[in-house]
Amino acid sequence: MIEKYPELKIAGYYSPPFADKFSVEENEKIISMINSVKPNVLWVSLTAPKQDIWIYEHFDKLDVNIAIGVGGAFEVTAGIINRAPLWMQKFGLEWFFRFLQEPKRLFGRYFLEAPQFFPLVLLQKIGILKQ
């Protein structure tokens, strides 16, 4: 990233131990590490929805302006995961391209978890559901 964006300042990184949910001590360690470098933007890559839940549960303790769950963005940027053809990107079908590449891993996320999430987004968008 620094080669592509020379003015970028990476304040730090941490790869926590693999776990479905982190211990209180691990969360405190992560939060302390983040707050010690005071980043403007925090990228969290723990896979969805784990990263999003972690951000939601800990955002009020973080000294950051923005926290973003980036999922596979690092793998895409590094060239480890291929992007969908441009026509699929333009039509919002990149998720389907990824599903075709890893159907066993992504089936639950795309076809079981996501359908439960979309109505909540719609209700929030129209103002029925508060944040």
N, C-alpha and C. Protein backbone atom coordinates (compact mmCIF):
# COMPACT_ATOMS: atom_id res chain seq x y z
N MET A 1 0.82 -1.21 0.00
CA MET A 1 0.00 0.00 0.00
C MET A 1 0.86 1.26 0.00
N ILE A 2 1.97 1.21 0.72
CA ILE A 2 2.83 2.39 0.78
C ILE A 2 3.47 2.67 -0.58
N GLU A 3 3.78 1.60 -1.33
CA GLU A 3 4.32 1.81 -2.67
C GLU A 3 3.30 2.51 -3.56
N LYS A 4 2.04 2.13 -3.43
CA LYS A 4 0.99 2.72 -4.25
C LYS A 4 0.58 4.10 -3.76
N TYR A 5 0.61 4.30 -2.42
CA TYR A 5 0.21 5.57 -1.81
C TYR A 5 1.33 6.02 -0.87
N PRO A 6 2.37 6.68 -1.39
CA PRO A 6 3.55 7.02 -0.59
C PRO A 6 3.27 7.87 0.65
N GLU A 7 2.18 8.64 0.66
CA GLU A 7 1.90 9.50 1.81
C GLU A 7 1.07 8.78 2.89
N LEU A 8 0.71 7.54 2.63
CA LEU A 8 -0.05 6.76 3.59
C LEU A 8 0.80 6.50 4.83
N LYS A 9 0.19 6.64 5.99
CA LYS A 9 0.88 6.35 7.25
C LYS A 9 0.15 5.21 7.94
N ILE A 10 0.77 4.05 7.95
CA ILE A 10 0.20 2.90 8.65
C ILE A 10 0.68 2.97 10.09
N ALA A 11 -0.27 3.14 11.00
CA ALA A 11 0.08 3.34 12.41
C ALA A 11 0.38 2.03 13.13
N GLY A 12 -0.05 0.93 12.59
CA GLY A 12 0.20 -0.36 13.22
C GLY A 12 -0.69 -1.43 12.66
N TYR A 13 -0.44 -2.63 13.10
CA TYR A 13 -1.27 -3.76 12.72
C TYR A 13 -1.16 -4.83 13.79
N TYR A 14 -2.16 -5.69 13.84
CA TYR A 14 -2.14 -6.78 14.81
C TYR A 14 -2.98 -7.92 14.26
N SER A 15 -2.48 -9.11 14.38
CA SER A 15 -3.22 -10.30 13.97
C SER A 15 -3.54 -11.09 15.24
N PRO A 16 -4.77 -10.98 15.72
CA PRO A 16 -5.12 -11.66 16.97
C PRO A 16 -5.18 -13.17 16.79
N PRO A 17 -5.17 -13.90 17.87
CA PRO A 17 -5.30 -15.35 17.76
C PRO A 17 -6.67 -15.71 17.19
N PHE A 18 -6.72 -16.81 16.45
CA PHE A 18 -7.99 -17.24 15.88
C PHE A 18 -8.93 -17.65 17.01
N ALA A 19 -10.13 -17.07 16.99
CA ALA A 19 -11.15 -17.41 18.00
C ALA A 19 -12.50 -16.95 17.48
N ASP A 20 -13.54 -17.67 17.85
CA ASP A 20 -14.90 -17.23 17.49
C ASP A 20 -15.24 -15.93 18.19
N LYS A 21 -14.78 -15.81 19.44
CA LYS A 21 -14.99 -14.59 20.22
C LYS A 21 -13.76 -14.42 21.10
N PHE A 22 -13.27 -13.19 21.20
CA PHE A 22 -12.07 -12.92 21.98
C PHE A 22 -12.40 -12.80 23.47
N SER A 23 -11.43 -13.13 24.31
CA SER A 23 -11.59 -12.98 25.75
C SER A 23 -11.61 -11.49 26.10
N VAL A 24 -12.06 -11.18 27.29
CA VAL A 24 -12.07 -9.80 27.78
C VAL A 24 -10.64 -9.25 27.73
N GLU A 25 -9.68 -10.06 28.17
CA GLU A 25 -8.28 -9.63 28.19
C GLU A 25 -7.76 -9.33 26.78
N GLU A 26 -8.10 -10.19 25.82
CA GLU A 26 -7.65 -9.98 24.43
C GLU A 26 -8.28 -8.71 23.87
N ASN A 27 -9.56 -8.50 24.13
CA ASN A 27 -10.22 -7.27 23.66
C ASN A 27 -9.57 -6.03 24.26
N GLU A 28 -9.28 -6.08 25.56
CA GLU A 28 -8.62 -4.94 26.20
C GLU A 28 -7.25 -4.68 25.59
N LYS A 29 -6.51 -5.75 25.30
CA LYS A 29 -5.20 -5.62 24.67
C LYS A 29 -5.33 -4.97 23.29
N ILE A 30 -6.27 -5.44 22.49
CA ILE A 30 -6.48 -4.89 21.14
C ILE A 30 -6.86 -3.42 21.22
N ILE A 31 -7.80 -3.09 22.08
CA ILE A 31 -8.26 -1.70 22.23
C ILE A 31 -7.11 -0.81 22.68
N SER A 32 -6.32 -1.27 23.62
CA SER A 32 -5.17 -0.50 24.11
C SER A 32 -4.16 -0.26 22.99
N MET A 33 -3.88 -1.29 22.21
CA MET A 33 -2.93 -1.14 21.10
C MET A 33 -3.43 -0.12 20.08
N ILE A 34 -4.72 -0.19 19.77
CA ILE A 34 -5.30 0.75 18.80
C ILE A 34 -5.23 2.17 19.35
N ASN A 35 -5.67 2.36 20.58
CA ASN A 35 -5.72 3.71 21.16
C ASN A 35 -4.33 4.31 21.36
N SER A 36 -3.33 3.46 21.54
CA SER A 36 -1.98 3.99 21.76
C SER A 36 -1.41 4.67 20.53
N VAL A 37 -1.88 4.28 19.32
CA VAL A 37 -1.37 4.91 18.10
C VAL A 37 -2.33 5.94 17.52
N LYS A 38 -3.53 6.03 18.07
CA LYS A 38 -4.53 7.04 17.69
C LYS A 38 -4.75 7.15 16.17
N PRO A 39 -5.20 6.07 15.55
CA PRO A 39 -5.44 6.15 14.10
C PRO A 39 -6.70 6.95 13.79
N ASN A 40 -6.71 7.59 12.63
CA ASN A 40 -7.93 8.25 12.17
C ASN A 40 -8.93 7.20 11.67
N VAL A 41 -8.39 6.22 10.93
CA VAL A 41 -9.22 5.18 10.34
C VAL A 41 -8.72 3.83 10.82
N LEU A 42 -9.63 3.00 11.29
CA LEU A 42 -9.29 1.65 11.73
C LEU A 42 -9.93 0.66 10.77
N TRP A 43 -9.10 -0.20 10.19
CA TRP A 43 -9.59 -1.28 9.33
C TRP A 43 -9.57 -2.56 10.14
N VAL A 44 -10.71 -3.23 10.21
CA VAL A 44 -10.82 -4.48 10.96
C VAL A 44 -11.14 -5.59 9.96
N SER A 45 -10.27 -6.59 9.91
CA SER A 45 -10.46 -7.69 8.97
C SER A 45 -10.48 -9.01 9.75
N LEU A 46 -11.66 -9.37 10.23
CA LEU A 46 -11.84 -10.61 10.99
C LEU A 46 -12.84 -11.54 10.32
N THR A 47 -13.24 -11.26 9.13
CA THR A 47 -14.32 -11.90 8.36
C THR A 47 -15.67 -11.40 8.88
N ALA A 48 -16.59 -11.33 7.95
CA ALA A 48 -17.95 -10.90 8.28
C ALA A 48 -18.70 -12.10 8.85
N PRO A 49 -19.58 -11.90 9.77
CA PRO A 49 -19.95 -10.66 10.45
C PRO A 49 -19.13 -10.41 11.72
N LYS A 50 -18.14 -11.27 11.99
CA LYS A 50 -17.35 -11.15 13.23
C LYS A 50 -16.73 -9.75 13.37
N GLN A 51 -16.16 -9.23 12.29
CA GLN A 51 -15.52 -7.91 12.36
C GLN A 51 -16.54 -6.83 12.67
N ASP A 52 -17.71 -6.93 12.08
CA ASP A 52 -18.74 -5.91 12.27
C ASP A 52 -19.29 -5.94 13.70
N ILE A 53 -19.45 -7.15 14.23
CA ILE A 53 -19.90 -7.30 15.62
C ILE A 53 -18.84 -6.74 16.56
N TRP A 54 -17.57 -7.04 16.29
CA TRP A 54 -16.49 -6.55 17.15
C TRP A 54 -16.47 -5.02 17.15
N ILE A 55 -16.58 -4.42 15.99
CA ILE A 55 -16.60 -2.95 15.91
C ILE A 55 -17.79 -2.40 16.71
N TYR A 56 -18.96 -2.97 16.51
CA TYR A 56 -20.17 -2.51 17.20
C TYR A 56 -20.01 -2.60 18.72
N GLU A 57 -19.45 -3.71 19.19
CA GLU A 57 -19.33 -3.93 20.64
C GLU A 57 -18.26 -3.05 21.29
N HIS A 58 -17.28 -2.57 20.52
CA HIS A 58 -16.14 -1.88 21.12
C HIS A 58 -15.91 -0.46 20.62
N PHE A 59 -16.72 0.02 19.71
CA PHE A 59 -16.46 1.34 19.10
C PHE A 59 -16.40 2.45 20.14
N ASP A 60 -17.26 2.38 21.15
CA ASP A 60 -17.29 3.46 22.15
C ASP A 60 -16.01 3.52 22.98
N LYS A 61 -15.19 2.45 22.97
CA LYS A 61 -13.93 2.45 23.71
C LYS A 61 -12.73 2.79 22.83
N LEU A 62 -12.96 2.92 21.53
CA LEU A 62 -11.88 3.16 20.58
C LEU A 62 -11.68 4.65 20.33
N ASP A 63 -10.44 5.08 20.29
CA ASP A 63 -10.10 6.47 19.99
C ASP A 63 -9.81 6.59 18.50
N VAL A 64 -10.87 6.38 17.69
CA VAL A 64 -10.76 6.45 16.23
C VAL A 64 -11.92 7.27 15.69
N ASN A 65 -11.73 7.84 14.51
CA ASN A 65 -12.81 8.57 13.86
C ASN A 65 -13.74 7.63 13.10
N ILE A 66 -13.14 6.64 12.46
CA ILE A 66 -13.89 5.70 11.62
C ILE A 66 -13.34 4.30 11.85
N ALA A 67 -14.22 3.33 11.94
CA ALA A 67 -13.83 1.92 12.00
C ALA A 67 -14.59 1.21 10.88
N ILE A 68 -13.86 0.50 10.05
CA ILE A 68 -14.45 -0.14 8.88
C ILE A 68 -14.12 -1.63 8.88
N GLY A 69 -15.13 -2.45 8.72
CA GLY A 69 -14.92 -3.88 8.51
C GLY A 69 -14.59 -4.11 7.05
N VAL A 70 -13.39 -4.58 6.78
CA VAL A 70 -12.93 -4.67 5.39
C VAL A 70 -12.92 -6.08 4.82
N GLY A 71 -13.24 -7.08 5.63
CA GLY A 71 -13.35 -8.44 5.10
C GLY A 71 -12.16 -8.84 4.24
N GLY A 72 -12.44 -9.24 3.02
CA GLY A 72 -11.40 -9.72 2.11
C GLY A 72 -10.69 -8.64 1.33
N ALA A 73 -10.86 -7.38 1.72
CA ALA A 73 -10.23 -6.30 0.94
C ALA A 73 -8.71 -6.40 0.89
N PHE A 74 -8.11 -6.87 1.97
CA PHE A 74 -6.65 -7.01 1.96
C PHE A 74 -6.21 -8.06 0.96
N GLU A 75 -6.94 -9.18 0.91
CA GLU A 75 -6.61 -10.24 -0.03
C GLU A 75 -6.79 -9.78 -1.47
N VAL A 76 -7.83 -9.01 -1.73
CA VAL A 76 -8.07 -8.48 -3.07
C VAL A 76 -6.95 -7.52 -3.45
N THR A 77 -6.61 -6.60 -2.55
CA THR A 77 -5.57 -5.61 -2.81
C THR A 77 -4.22 -6.28 -3.05
N ALA A 78 -3.95 -7.35 -2.31
CA ALA A 78 -2.68 -8.06 -2.45
C ALA A 78 -2.66 -8.99 -3.66
N GLY A 79 -3.81 -9.14 -4.33
CA GLY A 79 -3.86 -10.01 -5.50
C GLY A 79 -4.05 -11.48 -5.16
N ILE A 80 -4.40 -11.79 -3.92
CA ILE A 80 -4.60 -13.18 -3.50
C ILE A 80 -5.96 -13.68 -3.98
N ILE A 81 -6.95 -12.80 -3.94
CA ILE A 81 -8.31 -13.11 -4.41
C ILE A 81 -8.55 -12.30 -5.68
N ASN A 82 -9.05 -12.96 -6.71
CA ASN A 82 -9.36 -12.27 -7.96
C ASN A 82 -10.65 -11.48 -7.85
N ARG A 83 -10.68 -10.32 -8.48
CA ARG A 83 -11.90 -9.54 -8.58
C ARG A 83 -12.76 -10.11 -9.69
N ALA A 84 -14.02 -9.82 -9.61
CA ALA A 84 -14.95 -10.24 -10.66
C ALA A 84 -14.65 -9.47 -11.94
N PRO A 85 -15.10 -10.00 -13.07
CA PRO A 85 -14.97 -9.23 -14.31
C PRO A 85 -15.68 -7.88 -14.15
N LEU A 86 -15.21 -6.90 -14.88
CA LEU A 86 -15.72 -5.53 -14.75
C LEU A 86 -17.24 -5.47 -14.92
N TRP A 87 -17.79 -6.23 -15.85
CA TRP A 87 -19.25 -6.18 -16.07
C TRP A 87 -19.99 -6.66 -14.82
N MET A 88 -19.44 -7.65 -14.11
CA MET A 88 -20.09 -8.13 -12.89
C MET A 88 -19.98 -7.08 -11.78
N GLN A 89 -18.83 -6.39 -11.71
CA GLN A 89 -18.66 -5.33 -10.73
C GLN A 89 -19.69 -4.23 -10.97
N LYS A 90 -19.87 -3.84 -12.22
CA LYS A 90 -20.79 -2.74 -12.57
C LYS A 90 -22.24 -3.08 -12.24
N PHE A 91 -22.59 -4.36 -12.31
CA PHE A 91 -23.97 -4.78 -12.03
C PHE A 91 -24.17 -5.26 -10.60
N GLY A 92 -23.16 -5.03 -9.74
CA GLY A 92 -23.29 -5.41 -8.34
C GLY A 92 -23.26 -6.91 -8.10
N LEU A 93 -22.57 -7.64 -8.95
CA LEU A 93 -22.54 -9.09 -8.86
C LEU A 93 -21.20 -9.65 -8.39
N GLU A 94 -20.37 -8.81 -7.83
CA GLU A 94 -19.08 -9.31 -7.36
C GLU A 94 -19.26 -10.37 -6.28
N TRP A 95 -20.27 -10.22 -5.45
CA TRP A 95 -20.55 -11.21 -4.43
C TRP A 95 -20.82 -12.57 -5.06
N PHE A 96 -21.53 -12.58 -6.19
CA PHE A 96 -21.85 -13.84 -6.86
C PHE A 96 -20.60 -14.49 -7.45
N PHE A 97 -19.72 -13.67 -7.98
CA PHE A 97 -18.43 -14.16 -8.49
C PHE A 97 -17.64 -14.82 -7.37
N ARG A 98 -17.61 -14.17 -6.22
CA ARG A 98 -16.90 -14.75 -5.06
C ARG A 98 -17.57 -16.04 -4.60
N PHE A 99 -18.89 -16.06 -4.61
CA PHE A 99 -19.62 -17.27 -4.22
C PHE A 99 -19.26 -18.43 -5.15
N LEU A 100 -19.18 -18.17 -6.45
CA LEU A 100 -18.83 -19.23 -7.39
C LEU A 100 -17.42 -19.77 -7.15
N GLN A 101 -16.53 -18.92 -6.62
CA GLN A 101 -15.17 -19.37 -6.33
C GLN A 101 -15.08 -20.17 -5.04
N GLU A 102 -15.95 -19.87 -4.06
CA GLU A 102 -15.90 -20.55 -2.76
C GLU A 102 -17.32 -20.86 -2.26
N PRO A 103 -18.06 -21.69 -2.97
CA PRO A 103 -19.47 -21.92 -2.60
C PRO A 103 -19.66 -22.54 -1.22
N LYS A 104 -18.83 -23.47 -0.81
CA LYS A 104 -19.01 -24.10 0.50
C LYS A 104 -18.81 -23.10 1.63
N ARG A 105 -17.79 -22.26 1.49
CA ARG A 105 -17.49 -21.29 2.55
C ARG A 105 -18.51 -20.16 2.60
N LEU A 106 -18.99 -19.72 1.45
CA LEU A 106 -19.82 -18.51 1.40
C LEU A 106 -21.33 -18.77 1.35
N PHE A 107 -21.74 -20.01 1.19
CA PHE A 107 -23.18 -20.29 1.08
C PHE A 107 -23.95 -19.76 2.30
N GLY A 108 -23.50 -20.11 3.49
CA GLY A 108 -24.20 -19.68 4.70
C GLY A 108 -24.27 -18.18 4.83
N ARG A 109 -23.16 -17.52 4.53
CA ARG A 109 -23.11 -16.06 4.66
C ARG A 109 -24.06 -15.38 3.68
N TYR A 110 -24.04 -15.82 2.43
CA TYR A 110 -24.81 -15.14 1.39
C TYR A 110 -26.28 -15.54 1.33
N PHE A 111 -26.57 -16.79 1.67
CA PHE A 111 -27.94 -17.27 1.47
C PHE A 111 -28.69 -17.55 2.76
N LEU A 112 -28.01 -17.58 3.89
CA LEU A 112 -28.70 -17.79 5.17
C LEU A 112 -28.63 -16.55 6.06
N GLU A 113 -27.43 -15.94 6.18
CA GLU A 113 -27.27 -14.78 7.06
C GLU A 113 -27.73 -13.48 6.40
N ALA A 114 -27.32 -13.24 5.17
CA ALA A 114 -27.63 -11.97 4.50
C ALA A 114 -29.13 -11.71 4.37
N PRO A 115 -29.95 -12.71 4.01
CA PRO A 115 -31.39 -12.42 3.90
C PRO A 115 -32.02 -11.93 5.20
N GLN A 116 -31.46 -12.30 6.35
CA GLN A 116 -31.97 -11.81 7.62
C GLN A 116 -31.56 -10.36 7.86
N PHE A 117 -30.44 -9.96 7.26
CA PHE A 117 -29.87 -8.64 7.47
C PHE A 117 -30.55 -7.57 6.61
N PHE A 118 -30.91 -7.90 5.38
CA PHE A 118 -31.45 -6.91 4.44
C PHE A 118 -32.72 -6.22 4.93
N PRO A 119 -33.69 -6.95 5.52
CA PRO A 119 -34.87 -6.23 6.04
C PRO A 119 -34.52 -5.21 7.12
N LEU A 120 -33.53 -5.52 7.95
CA LEU A 120 -33.12 -4.57 8.99
C LEU A 120 -32.53 -3.30 8.39
N VAL A 121 -31.74 -3.45 7.34
CA VAL A 121 -31.17 -2.29 6.65
C VAL A 121 -32.29 -1.44 6.05
N LEU A 122 -33.25 -2.09 5.43
CA LEU A 122 -34.38 -1.38 4.84
C LEU A 122 -35.18 -0.63 5.91
N LEU A 123 -35.47 -1.28 7.02
CA LEU A 123 -36.22 -0.62 8.10
C LEU A 123 -35.45 0.56 8.67
N GLN A 124 -34.14 0.43 8.79
CA GLN A 124 -33.33 1.54 9.28
C GLN A 124 -33.33 2.69 8.26
N LYS A 125 -33.23 2.34 6.99
CA LYS A 125 -33.18 3.36 5.92
C LYS A 125 -34.48 4.19 5.88
N ILE A 126 -35.60 3.54 6.08
CA ILE A 126 -36.87 4.28 6.02
C ILE A 126 -37.26 4.89 7.36
N GLY A 127 -36.42 4.70 8.38
CA GLY A 127 -36.61 5.36 9.66
C GLY A 127 -37.43 4.63 10.69
N ILE A 128 -37.82 3.40 10.41
CA ILE A 128 -38.62 2.64 11.37
C ILE A 128 -37.73 2.07 12.47
N LEU A 129 -36.55 1.64 12.09
CA LEU A 129 -35.61 1.04 13.04
C LEU A 129 -34.50 2.05 13.34
N LYS A 130 -34.30 2.34 14.60
CA LYS A 130 -33.25 3.28 15.02
C LYS A 130 -31.92 2.54 15.17
N GLN A 131 -30.83 3.29 15.01
CA GLN A 131 -29.49 2.70 15.13
C GLN A 131 -29.19 2.29 16.52
